[in-house]
N, C-alpha and C. Protein backbone atom coordinates (compact mmCIF):
# COMPACT_ATOMS: atom_id res chain seq x y z
N MET A 1 8.94 29.29 25.45
CA MET A 1 7.70 28.62 25.31
C MET A 1 7.84 27.28 24.55
N PRO A 2 7.39 26.13 25.04
CA PRO A 2 7.57 24.83 24.29
C PRO A 2 6.86 24.82 22.97
N ALA A 3 7.30 24.05 22.05
CA ALA A 3 6.59 23.83 20.82
C ALA A 3 5.32 23.07 20.98
N PRO A 4 4.32 23.33 20.17
CA PRO A 4 3.10 22.54 20.30
C PRO A 4 3.30 21.07 19.95
N LEU A 5 2.55 20.25 20.48
CA LEU A 5 2.61 18.76 20.23
C LEU A 5 1.94 18.54 18.89
N THR A 6 2.74 18.18 17.87
CA THR A 6 2.23 17.94 16.60
C THR A 6 1.59 16.51 16.40
N SER A 7 1.80 15.66 17.34
CA SER A 7 1.19 14.41 17.22
C SER A 7 -0.13 14.35 18.08
N GLY A 8 -0.52 15.37 18.64
CA GLY A 8 -1.74 15.45 19.38
C GLY A 8 -3.00 15.75 18.58
N PRO A 9 -4.08 16.16 19.19
CA PRO A 9 -5.27 16.33 18.49
C PRO A 9 -5.29 17.46 17.49
N THR A 10 -4.30 18.42 17.60
CA THR A 10 -4.28 19.57 16.63
C THR A 10 -3.36 19.23 15.44
N ALA A 11 -2.65 18.17 15.39
CA ALA A 11 -1.85 17.81 14.23
C ALA A 11 -2.68 17.73 12.92
N ALA A 12 -2.01 18.11 11.88
CA ALA A 12 -2.77 18.11 10.62
C ALA A 12 -3.15 16.71 10.12
N ARG A 13 -4.35 16.51 9.64
CA ARG A 13 -4.73 15.16 9.14
C ARG A 13 -4.12 15.00 7.79
N LYS A 14 -3.64 13.80 7.58
CA LYS A 14 -3.12 13.37 6.26
C LYS A 14 -4.04 12.40 5.61
N ARG A 15 -4.25 12.56 4.31
CA ARG A 15 -5.27 11.66 3.60
C ARG A 15 -4.56 10.84 2.61
N SER A 16 -5.11 9.60 2.40
CA SER A 16 -4.59 8.72 1.39
C SER A 16 -5.15 9.06 0.06
N PHE A 17 -4.61 8.48 -0.97
CA PHE A 17 -4.99 8.72 -2.39
C PHE A 17 -6.20 7.86 -2.69
N ASP A 18 -6.82 8.19 -3.86
CA ASP A 18 -7.88 7.31 -4.36
C ASP A 18 -7.34 5.95 -4.69
N ALA A 19 -8.16 4.95 -4.68
CA ALA A 19 -7.83 3.59 -5.12
C ALA A 19 -7.44 3.60 -6.56
N VAL A 20 -6.51 2.75 -6.84
CA VAL A 20 -6.16 2.51 -8.23
C VAL A 20 -6.51 1.03 -8.48
N ALA A 21 -7.63 0.77 -9.11
CA ALA A 21 -8.09 -0.57 -9.33
C ALA A 21 -9.14 -0.53 -10.36
N ASP A 22 -9.33 -1.67 -11.04
CA ASP A 22 -10.44 -1.74 -12.06
C ASP A 22 -10.92 -3.24 -12.13
N ALA A 23 -11.80 -3.44 -13.13
CA ALA A 23 -12.35 -4.80 -13.15
C ALA A 23 -11.34 -5.94 -13.48
N ARG A 24 -10.09 -5.55 -13.90
CA ARG A 24 -9.07 -6.49 -14.12
C ARG A 24 -8.24 -6.88 -12.89
N THR A 25 -8.44 -6.13 -11.81
CA THR A 25 -7.56 -6.31 -10.56
C THR A 25 -7.79 -7.66 -9.99
N ARG A 26 -6.68 -8.40 -9.88
CA ARG A 26 -6.61 -9.79 -9.29
C ARG A 26 -5.96 -9.74 -7.95
N VAL A 27 -4.98 -8.81 -7.77
CA VAL A 27 -4.18 -8.62 -6.63
C VAL A 27 -4.31 -7.17 -6.16
N LEU A 28 -4.65 -6.93 -4.97
CA LEU A 28 -4.81 -5.63 -4.42
C LEU A 28 -3.78 -5.46 -3.40
N VAL A 29 -2.81 -4.54 -3.57
CA VAL A 29 -1.71 -4.26 -2.62
C VAL A 29 -2.14 -3.07 -1.74
N LEU A 30 -2.20 -3.20 -0.52
CA LEU A 30 -2.64 -2.22 0.40
C LEU A 30 -1.52 -1.72 1.33
N GLY A 31 -1.20 -0.47 1.26
CA GLY A 31 -0.25 0.14 2.21
C GLY A 31 -1.01 0.73 3.37
N SER A 32 -0.31 1.42 4.22
CA SER A 32 -0.93 2.05 5.38
C SER A 32 -1.41 3.38 5.09
N LEU A 33 -0.52 4.39 4.84
CA LEU A 33 -0.78 5.79 4.58
C LEU A 33 0.43 6.34 3.87
N PRO A 34 0.21 7.06 2.77
CA PRO A 34 1.46 7.57 2.13
C PRO A 34 2.32 8.47 3.05
N GLY A 35 3.65 8.30 2.86
CA GLY A 35 4.56 9.11 3.62
C GLY A 35 4.66 10.51 3.15
N GLU A 36 5.52 11.33 3.83
CA GLU A 36 5.52 12.79 3.52
C GLU A 36 5.83 13.03 2.03
N LEU A 37 6.94 12.43 1.54
CA LEU A 37 7.38 12.72 0.17
C LEU A 37 6.30 12.20 -0.82
N SER A 38 5.66 11.06 -0.54
CA SER A 38 4.68 10.61 -1.48
C SER A 38 3.44 11.62 -1.46
N LEU A 39 3.08 12.08 -0.33
CA LEU A 39 1.99 13.07 -0.24
C LEU A 39 2.42 14.31 -0.98
N ALA A 40 3.60 14.78 -0.77
CA ALA A 40 4.03 16.06 -1.48
C ALA A 40 4.12 15.87 -3.00
N ARG A 41 4.40 14.66 -3.44
CA ARG A 41 4.38 14.42 -4.91
C ARG A 41 3.09 13.90 -5.44
N ALA A 42 2.16 13.68 -4.53
CA ALA A 42 0.82 13.15 -4.88
C ALA A 42 0.94 11.83 -5.71
N GLN A 43 1.84 10.90 -5.22
CA GLN A 43 2.07 9.70 -5.92
C GLN A 43 2.28 8.50 -4.87
N TYR A 44 1.63 7.43 -5.19
CA TYR A 44 1.89 6.23 -4.43
C TYR A 44 3.41 5.90 -4.46
N TYR A 45 4.02 5.63 -3.34
CA TYR A 45 5.38 5.28 -3.26
C TYR A 45 6.34 6.27 -3.98
N GLY A 46 6.08 7.54 -3.71
CA GLY A 46 6.80 8.63 -4.33
C GLY A 46 8.18 8.82 -3.81
N ASN A 47 8.57 8.26 -2.67
CA ASN A 47 9.91 8.36 -2.16
C ASN A 47 10.82 7.37 -2.97
N PRO A 48 11.84 7.97 -3.64
CA PRO A 48 12.66 7.09 -4.39
C PRO A 48 13.46 6.07 -3.61
N GLN A 49 13.58 6.23 -2.26
CA GLN A 49 14.13 5.24 -1.41
C GLN A 49 13.21 4.03 -1.12
N ASN A 50 11.93 4.21 -1.37
CA ASN A 50 10.95 3.17 -1.23
C ASN A 50 11.15 2.15 -2.28
N ARG A 51 11.21 0.88 -1.98
CA ARG A 51 11.55 -0.17 -2.88
C ARG A 51 10.27 -0.73 -3.65
N PHE A 52 9.12 -0.09 -3.37
CA PHE A 52 7.91 -0.68 -4.06
C PHE A 52 8.01 -0.86 -5.50
N TRP A 53 8.38 0.11 -6.20
CA TRP A 53 8.38 0.02 -7.70
C TRP A 53 9.47 -0.94 -8.18
N ARG A 54 10.55 -0.97 -7.47
CA ARG A 54 11.54 -1.97 -7.90
C ARG A 54 11.07 -3.49 -7.59
N LEU A 55 10.43 -3.63 -6.47
CA LEU A 55 9.84 -4.88 -6.07
C LEU A 55 8.76 -5.39 -7.11
N MET A 56 7.87 -4.44 -7.40
CA MET A 56 6.84 -4.79 -8.37
C MET A 56 7.34 -5.01 -9.75
N SER A 57 8.47 -4.37 -10.10
CA SER A 57 9.10 -4.61 -11.44
C SER A 57 9.52 -6.00 -11.41
N GLU A 58 10.07 -6.59 -10.39
CA GLU A 58 10.59 -8.01 -10.32
C GLU A 58 9.33 -8.93 -10.37
N VAL A 59 8.29 -8.58 -9.60
CA VAL A 59 7.08 -9.42 -9.59
C VAL A 59 6.48 -9.52 -11.02
N LEU A 60 6.40 -8.43 -11.71
CA LEU A 60 5.72 -8.33 -12.96
C LEU A 60 6.65 -8.67 -14.19
N GLY A 61 7.91 -8.58 -14.01
CA GLY A 61 8.84 -8.85 -15.07
C GLY A 61 8.93 -7.71 -16.08
N VAL A 62 8.64 -6.54 -15.64
CA VAL A 62 8.69 -5.28 -16.44
C VAL A 62 9.26 -4.17 -15.62
N ASP A 63 10.23 -3.38 -16.24
CA ASP A 63 10.89 -2.33 -15.33
C ASP A 63 10.00 -1.15 -15.31
N LEU A 64 9.36 -0.99 -14.11
CA LEU A 64 8.46 0.19 -13.88
C LEU A 64 9.21 1.45 -13.46
N VAL A 65 10.43 1.24 -12.93
CA VAL A 65 11.16 2.41 -12.33
C VAL A 65 11.35 3.54 -13.25
N PRO A 66 11.77 3.38 -14.49
CA PRO A 66 12.01 4.54 -15.40
C PRO A 66 10.70 5.13 -16.00
N LEU A 67 9.66 4.49 -15.75
CA LEU A 67 8.34 4.96 -16.35
C LEU A 67 7.79 6.20 -15.64
N ALA A 68 7.09 7.10 -16.28
CA ALA A 68 6.37 8.17 -15.72
C ALA A 68 5.33 7.56 -14.78
N TYR A 69 4.93 8.35 -13.72
CA TYR A 69 4.06 7.81 -12.70
C TYR A 69 2.80 7.25 -13.29
N GLU A 70 2.12 8.00 -14.14
CA GLU A 70 0.83 7.52 -14.72
C GLU A 70 1.03 6.20 -15.52
N ASP A 71 2.18 6.03 -16.18
CA ASP A 71 2.52 4.91 -16.89
C ASP A 71 2.77 3.71 -15.97
N ARG A 72 3.29 3.97 -14.81
CA ARG A 72 3.49 2.96 -13.82
C ARG A 72 2.09 2.34 -13.37
N LEU A 73 1.26 3.29 -13.02
CA LEU A 73 -0.07 2.90 -12.60
C LEU A 73 -0.80 2.10 -13.73
N ALA A 74 -0.72 2.55 -14.96
CA ALA A 74 -1.33 1.86 -16.07
C ALA A 74 -0.81 0.44 -16.20
N ALA A 75 0.58 0.35 -16.11
CA ALA A 75 1.15 -0.98 -16.14
C ALA A 75 0.72 -1.98 -15.05
N LEU A 76 0.47 -1.46 -13.91
CA LEU A 76 0.00 -2.27 -12.77
C LEU A 76 -1.41 -2.74 -13.15
N LEU A 77 -2.25 -1.78 -13.54
CA LEU A 77 -3.67 -2.18 -13.90
C LEU A 77 -3.62 -3.22 -15.07
N GLU A 78 -2.94 -2.93 -16.05
CA GLU A 78 -2.80 -3.89 -17.25
C GLU A 78 -2.48 -5.38 -16.78
N ARG A 79 -1.73 -5.39 -15.71
CA ARG A 79 -1.28 -6.73 -15.28
C ARG A 79 -2.08 -7.27 -14.05
N GLY A 80 -3.16 -6.67 -13.73
CA GLY A 80 -4.05 -7.15 -12.72
C GLY A 80 -3.74 -6.71 -11.32
N VAL A 81 -2.92 -5.66 -11.11
CA VAL A 81 -2.56 -5.19 -9.82
C VAL A 81 -3.25 -3.84 -9.48
N GLY A 82 -3.83 -3.75 -8.29
CA GLY A 82 -4.49 -2.56 -7.81
C GLY A 82 -3.73 -2.05 -6.58
N LEU A 83 -3.88 -0.79 -6.29
CA LEU A 83 -3.24 -0.12 -5.09
C LEU A 83 -4.27 0.61 -4.33
N TRP A 84 -4.10 0.66 -3.01
CA TRP A 84 -4.80 1.53 -2.16
C TRP A 84 -4.10 1.55 -0.79
N ASP A 85 -4.74 2.25 0.16
CA ASP A 85 -4.22 2.26 1.53
C ASP A 85 -5.32 1.88 2.50
N VAL A 86 -4.90 1.34 3.58
CA VAL A 86 -5.81 0.91 4.65
C VAL A 86 -6.41 2.10 5.35
N VAL A 87 -5.53 3.13 5.57
CA VAL A 87 -5.94 4.34 6.27
C VAL A 87 -6.41 5.38 5.31
N ALA A 88 -7.67 5.86 5.55
CA ALA A 88 -8.18 6.95 4.70
C ALA A 88 -7.57 8.27 5.11
N GLU A 89 -7.55 8.50 6.38
CA GLU A 89 -6.88 9.76 6.84
C GLU A 89 -6.53 9.55 8.37
N ALA A 90 -5.55 10.31 8.82
CA ALA A 90 -5.04 10.12 10.16
C ALA A 90 -4.15 11.39 10.54
N GLN A 91 -3.99 11.52 11.81
CA GLN A 91 -2.93 12.46 12.21
C GLN A 91 -1.59 11.68 12.25
N ARG A 92 -0.57 12.27 11.75
CA ARG A 92 0.74 11.66 11.81
C ARG A 92 1.83 12.72 11.63
N GLU A 93 2.76 12.75 12.49
CA GLU A 93 3.94 13.58 12.36
C GLU A 93 5.03 12.73 11.59
N GLY A 94 5.51 13.26 10.49
CA GLY A 94 6.49 12.49 9.77
C GLY A 94 5.84 11.42 8.94
N SER A 95 6.62 10.35 8.62
CA SER A 95 6.18 9.30 7.71
C SER A 95 5.99 7.93 8.35
N LEU A 96 6.45 7.75 9.61
CA LEU A 96 6.46 6.45 10.21
C LEU A 96 5.07 5.96 10.57
N ASP A 97 4.77 4.75 10.33
CA ASP A 97 3.48 4.16 10.64
C ASP A 97 3.26 4.18 12.16
N ALA A 98 4.28 4.04 12.97
CA ALA A 98 4.15 4.03 14.41
C ALA A 98 3.59 5.34 14.90
N ARG A 99 3.53 6.41 14.13
CA ARG A 99 3.04 7.70 14.56
C ARG A 99 1.68 8.00 14.02
N ILE A 100 1.02 7.03 13.39
CA ILE A 100 -0.32 7.21 12.97
C ILE A 100 -1.27 7.32 14.17
N ARG A 101 -2.10 8.24 14.22
CA ARG A 101 -3.07 8.43 15.36
C ARG A 101 -4.38 8.85 14.79
N ASN A 102 -5.41 8.50 15.57
CA ASN A 102 -6.76 8.89 15.26
C ASN A 102 -7.15 8.62 13.81
N HIS A 103 -6.93 7.40 13.38
CA HIS A 103 -7.15 7.14 11.94
C HIS A 103 -8.62 6.74 11.63
N THR A 104 -8.93 7.02 10.40
CA THR A 104 -10.17 6.55 9.82
C THR A 104 -9.85 5.66 8.63
N GLY A 105 -10.46 4.50 8.69
CA GLY A 105 -10.07 3.55 7.58
C GLY A 105 -10.79 3.75 6.31
N ASN A 106 -10.16 3.26 5.18
CA ASN A 106 -10.84 3.22 3.91
C ASN A 106 -11.77 2.02 3.88
N ASP A 107 -12.80 2.04 3.05
CA ASP A 107 -13.77 0.93 3.06
C ASP A 107 -13.31 -0.12 2.15
N LEU A 108 -12.41 -1.00 2.74
CA LEU A 108 -11.77 -2.10 2.00
C LEU A 108 -12.76 -3.15 1.59
N VAL A 109 -13.81 -3.41 2.36
CA VAL A 109 -14.82 -4.39 1.98
C VAL A 109 -15.53 -3.92 0.68
N ALA A 110 -15.92 -2.69 0.65
CA ALA A 110 -16.64 -2.17 -0.52
C ALA A 110 -15.75 -2.24 -1.74
N LEU A 111 -14.54 -1.88 -1.60
CA LEU A 111 -13.65 -1.91 -2.84
C LEU A 111 -13.45 -3.45 -3.22
N ALA A 112 -13.11 -4.24 -2.34
CA ALA A 112 -12.80 -5.64 -2.69
C ALA A 112 -14.05 -6.31 -3.28
N SER A 113 -15.21 -6.05 -2.82
CA SER A 113 -16.40 -6.64 -3.36
C SER A 113 -16.76 -6.08 -4.74
N SER A 114 -16.24 -4.92 -5.13
CA SER A 114 -16.41 -4.39 -6.38
C SER A 114 -15.56 -4.87 -7.50
N LEU A 115 -14.49 -5.70 -7.12
CA LEU A 115 -13.53 -6.17 -8.04
C LEU A 115 -13.82 -7.67 -8.36
N PRO A 116 -14.45 -7.98 -9.47
CA PRO A 116 -14.88 -9.31 -9.72
C PRO A 116 -13.79 -10.40 -9.83
N LEU A 117 -12.58 -9.98 -10.18
CA LEU A 117 -11.50 -11.01 -10.35
C LEU A 117 -10.56 -11.04 -9.16
N LEU A 118 -10.79 -10.22 -8.15
CA LEU A 118 -9.89 -10.15 -7.03
C LEU A 118 -9.80 -11.55 -6.27
N THR A 119 -8.61 -12.04 -6.18
CA THR A 119 -8.39 -13.29 -5.39
C THR A 119 -7.37 -13.08 -4.23
N THR A 120 -6.51 -12.04 -4.28
CA THR A 120 -5.47 -11.87 -3.33
C THR A 120 -5.47 -10.41 -2.80
N ILE A 121 -5.34 -10.23 -1.53
CA ILE A 121 -5.11 -9.03 -0.92
C ILE A 121 -3.75 -9.09 -0.21
N ALA A 122 -2.87 -8.17 -0.62
CA ALA A 122 -1.46 -8.17 -0.06
C ALA A 122 -1.27 -6.83 0.76
N PHE A 123 -0.77 -7.02 1.92
CA PHE A 123 -0.50 -5.88 2.77
C PHE A 123 0.91 -5.52 2.78
N ASN A 124 1.20 -4.28 2.51
CA ASN A 124 2.65 -3.84 2.48
C ASN A 124 2.98 -3.34 3.81
N GLY A 125 3.52 -4.25 4.57
CA GLY A 125 3.96 -3.85 5.93
C GLY A 125 3.00 -4.27 7.08
N GLY A 126 3.58 -4.27 8.27
CA GLY A 126 2.87 -4.82 9.45
C GLY A 126 1.71 -3.97 9.78
N THR A 127 1.76 -2.64 9.84
CA THR A 127 0.69 -1.78 10.17
C THR A 127 -0.46 -1.95 9.19
N ALA A 128 -0.19 -1.97 7.89
CA ALA A 128 -1.23 -2.23 6.94
C ALA A 128 -1.85 -3.52 7.16
N ALA A 129 -1.16 -4.59 7.47
CA ALA A 129 -1.69 -5.93 7.68
C ALA A 129 -2.60 -5.95 8.95
N ARG A 130 -2.10 -5.37 10.02
CA ARG A 130 -2.93 -5.33 11.24
C ARG A 130 -4.26 -4.58 11.11
N LEU A 131 -4.13 -3.37 10.58
CA LEU A 131 -5.37 -2.53 10.45
C LEU A 131 -6.29 -3.07 9.35
N GLY A 132 -5.59 -3.55 8.25
CA GLY A 132 -6.42 -4.01 7.14
C GLY A 132 -7.14 -5.30 7.40
N GLN A 133 -6.56 -6.30 8.13
CA GLN A 133 -7.27 -7.45 8.46
C GLN A 133 -8.39 -7.21 9.38
N ARG A 134 -8.20 -6.23 10.31
CA ARG A 134 -9.27 -5.88 11.17
C ARG A 134 -10.43 -5.23 10.46
N ALA A 135 -10.13 -4.42 9.39
CA ALA A 135 -11.16 -3.74 8.66
C ALA A 135 -11.93 -4.69 7.72
N LEU A 136 -11.14 -5.72 7.21
CA LEU A 136 -11.80 -6.72 6.38
C LEU A 136 -12.71 -7.64 7.20
N GLY A 137 -12.38 -7.93 8.46
CA GLY A 137 -13.14 -8.83 9.27
C GLY A 137 -13.35 -10.16 8.63
N ALA A 138 -14.55 -10.72 8.66
CA ALA A 138 -14.83 -12.00 8.05
C ALA A 138 -14.74 -12.06 6.54
N GLU A 139 -14.73 -10.92 5.95
CA GLU A 139 -14.60 -10.87 4.47
C GLU A 139 -13.27 -11.30 4.01
N ALA A 140 -12.29 -11.23 4.90
CA ALA A 140 -10.87 -11.67 4.59
C ALA A 140 -10.88 -13.17 4.16
N GLU A 141 -11.81 -13.91 4.65
CA GLU A 141 -11.80 -15.35 4.29
C GLU A 141 -12.07 -15.64 2.82
N ARG A 142 -12.66 -14.65 2.10
CA ARG A 142 -12.88 -14.74 0.66
C ARG A 142 -11.66 -14.66 -0.19
N TYR A 143 -10.54 -14.21 0.38
CA TYR A 143 -9.39 -13.90 -0.40
C TYR A 143 -8.12 -14.58 0.18
N ARG A 144 -7.16 -14.70 -0.63
CA ARG A 144 -5.76 -15.04 -0.13
C ARG A 144 -5.18 -13.77 0.52
N ILE A 145 -4.87 -13.95 1.71
CA ILE A 145 -4.19 -12.71 2.38
C ILE A 145 -2.71 -12.95 2.52
N VAL A 146 -1.95 -11.93 2.02
CA VAL A 146 -0.49 -12.03 2.05
C VAL A 146 0.06 -10.83 2.84
N ALA A 147 0.77 -11.14 3.88
CA ALA A 147 1.41 -10.08 4.63
C ALA A 147 2.87 -9.95 4.17
N LEU A 148 3.16 -8.84 3.50
CA LEU A 148 4.51 -8.62 2.85
C LEU A 148 5.36 -7.77 3.80
N PRO A 149 6.69 -7.94 3.76
CA PRO A 149 7.56 -6.95 4.46
C PRO A 149 7.44 -5.62 3.84
N SER A 150 7.52 -4.66 4.60
CA SER A 150 7.33 -3.24 4.12
C SER A 150 8.31 -2.98 3.02
N SER A 151 7.93 -2.29 2.01
CA SER A 151 8.87 -1.74 0.96
C SER A 151 9.60 -0.46 1.46
N SER A 152 9.17 0.06 2.59
CA SER A 152 9.69 1.32 3.05
C SER A 152 11.21 1.23 3.46
N PRO A 153 11.92 2.31 3.18
CA PRO A 153 13.35 2.33 3.65
C PRO A 153 13.40 2.22 5.14
N ALA A 154 12.41 2.59 5.90
CA ALA A 154 12.44 2.49 7.36
C ALA A 154 12.49 1.11 7.91
N TYR A 155 12.00 0.16 7.05
CA TYR A 155 12.01 -1.29 7.39
C TYR A 155 13.35 -1.79 6.73
N THR A 156 14.35 -2.09 7.60
CA THR A 156 15.66 -2.29 7.10
C THR A 156 16.03 -3.79 6.72
N LEU A 157 14.99 -4.57 6.57
CA LEU A 157 15.24 -5.96 5.99
C LEU A 157 16.02 -5.85 4.66
N ALA A 158 16.94 -6.76 4.39
CA ALA A 158 17.65 -6.73 3.19
C ALA A 158 16.72 -6.79 1.94
N TYR A 159 17.08 -6.08 0.95
CA TYR A 159 16.17 -6.15 -0.28
C TYR A 159 16.02 -7.53 -0.81
N GLU A 160 17.01 -8.42 -0.78
CA GLU A 160 16.80 -9.69 -1.29
C GLU A 160 15.66 -10.53 -0.48
N ALA A 161 15.71 -10.30 0.79
CA ALA A 161 14.68 -10.90 1.61
C ALA A 161 13.32 -10.41 1.35
N LYS A 162 13.23 -9.04 1.12
CA LYS A 162 11.93 -8.47 0.80
C LYS A 162 11.42 -9.03 -0.59
N LEU A 163 12.37 -9.12 -1.51
CA LEU A 163 12.05 -9.62 -2.86
C LEU A 163 11.54 -11.06 -2.84
N SER A 164 12.27 -11.87 -2.00
CA SER A 164 11.76 -13.26 -1.93
C SER A 164 10.34 -13.34 -1.44
N ALA A 165 9.95 -12.54 -0.47
CA ALA A 165 8.58 -12.46 0.05
C ALA A 165 7.61 -11.92 -0.98
N TRP A 166 8.01 -10.92 -1.66
CA TRP A 166 7.07 -10.25 -2.66
C TRP A 166 6.87 -11.09 -3.87
N LEU A 167 7.79 -12.00 -4.23
CA LEU A 167 7.60 -12.81 -5.43
C LEU A 167 6.44 -13.76 -5.31
N VAL A 168 5.87 -14.04 -4.14
CA VAL A 168 4.65 -14.78 -4.09
C VAL A 168 3.53 -14.24 -4.82
N LEU A 169 3.60 -12.92 -5.13
CA LEU A 169 2.56 -12.23 -5.87
C LEU A 169 2.48 -12.77 -7.26
N ARG A 170 3.61 -13.23 -7.79
CA ARG A 170 3.59 -13.73 -9.15
C ARG A 170 2.56 -14.84 -9.41
N ALA A 171 2.57 -15.72 -8.47
CA ALA A 171 1.59 -16.89 -8.62
C ALA A 171 0.18 -16.38 -8.54
N ALA A 172 -0.11 -15.42 -7.74
CA ALA A 172 -1.46 -14.92 -7.61
C ALA A 172 -1.94 -14.23 -8.94
N LEU A 173 -0.88 -13.63 -9.56
CA LEU A 173 -1.20 -12.98 -10.92
C LEU A 173 -1.40 -13.96 -12.06
N GLN A 174 -0.69 -15.15 -11.89
CA GLN A 174 -0.70 -16.08 -12.96
C GLN A 174 -1.84 -17.05 -12.88
N GLY A 175 -2.48 -17.15 -11.61
CA GLY A 175 -3.40 -18.15 -11.35
C GLY A 175 -4.85 -17.67 -11.76
């Protein structure tokens, strides 16, 4: 008997985490949907192979990697960085964005409009950028939109090239 199709309509739905943002948020970094290891750990970018925390360490000039998760989040907020995901929930087998099916989006417009200092929305990866810009619609014109190369280990661009692109966030945080 063949195994059931886990990417079909009966596949378990995966949910994103709550937004991490406050009135100090100037840059909002939006991913697509947490991967399996992140979901299991209940942490944004919980896969140690994901380069997000290392990249943000370089952007902010503070080493986030050795910090406890809650301290990492606090450090982001203190420096004006918020986190969320474009996808609220979806069916997905594994962690790859290409396997996201039947998704429901987070209300990006509502979050963005609630952040008085927000100037920049950065998308972590192509799927986040594609879905997120569609969700923002005309509201995207109010912000600087930055499409970043994915911090995921599945996106095999060299770290130095990723870092070069991610460093544009420094100016958004200083401005």
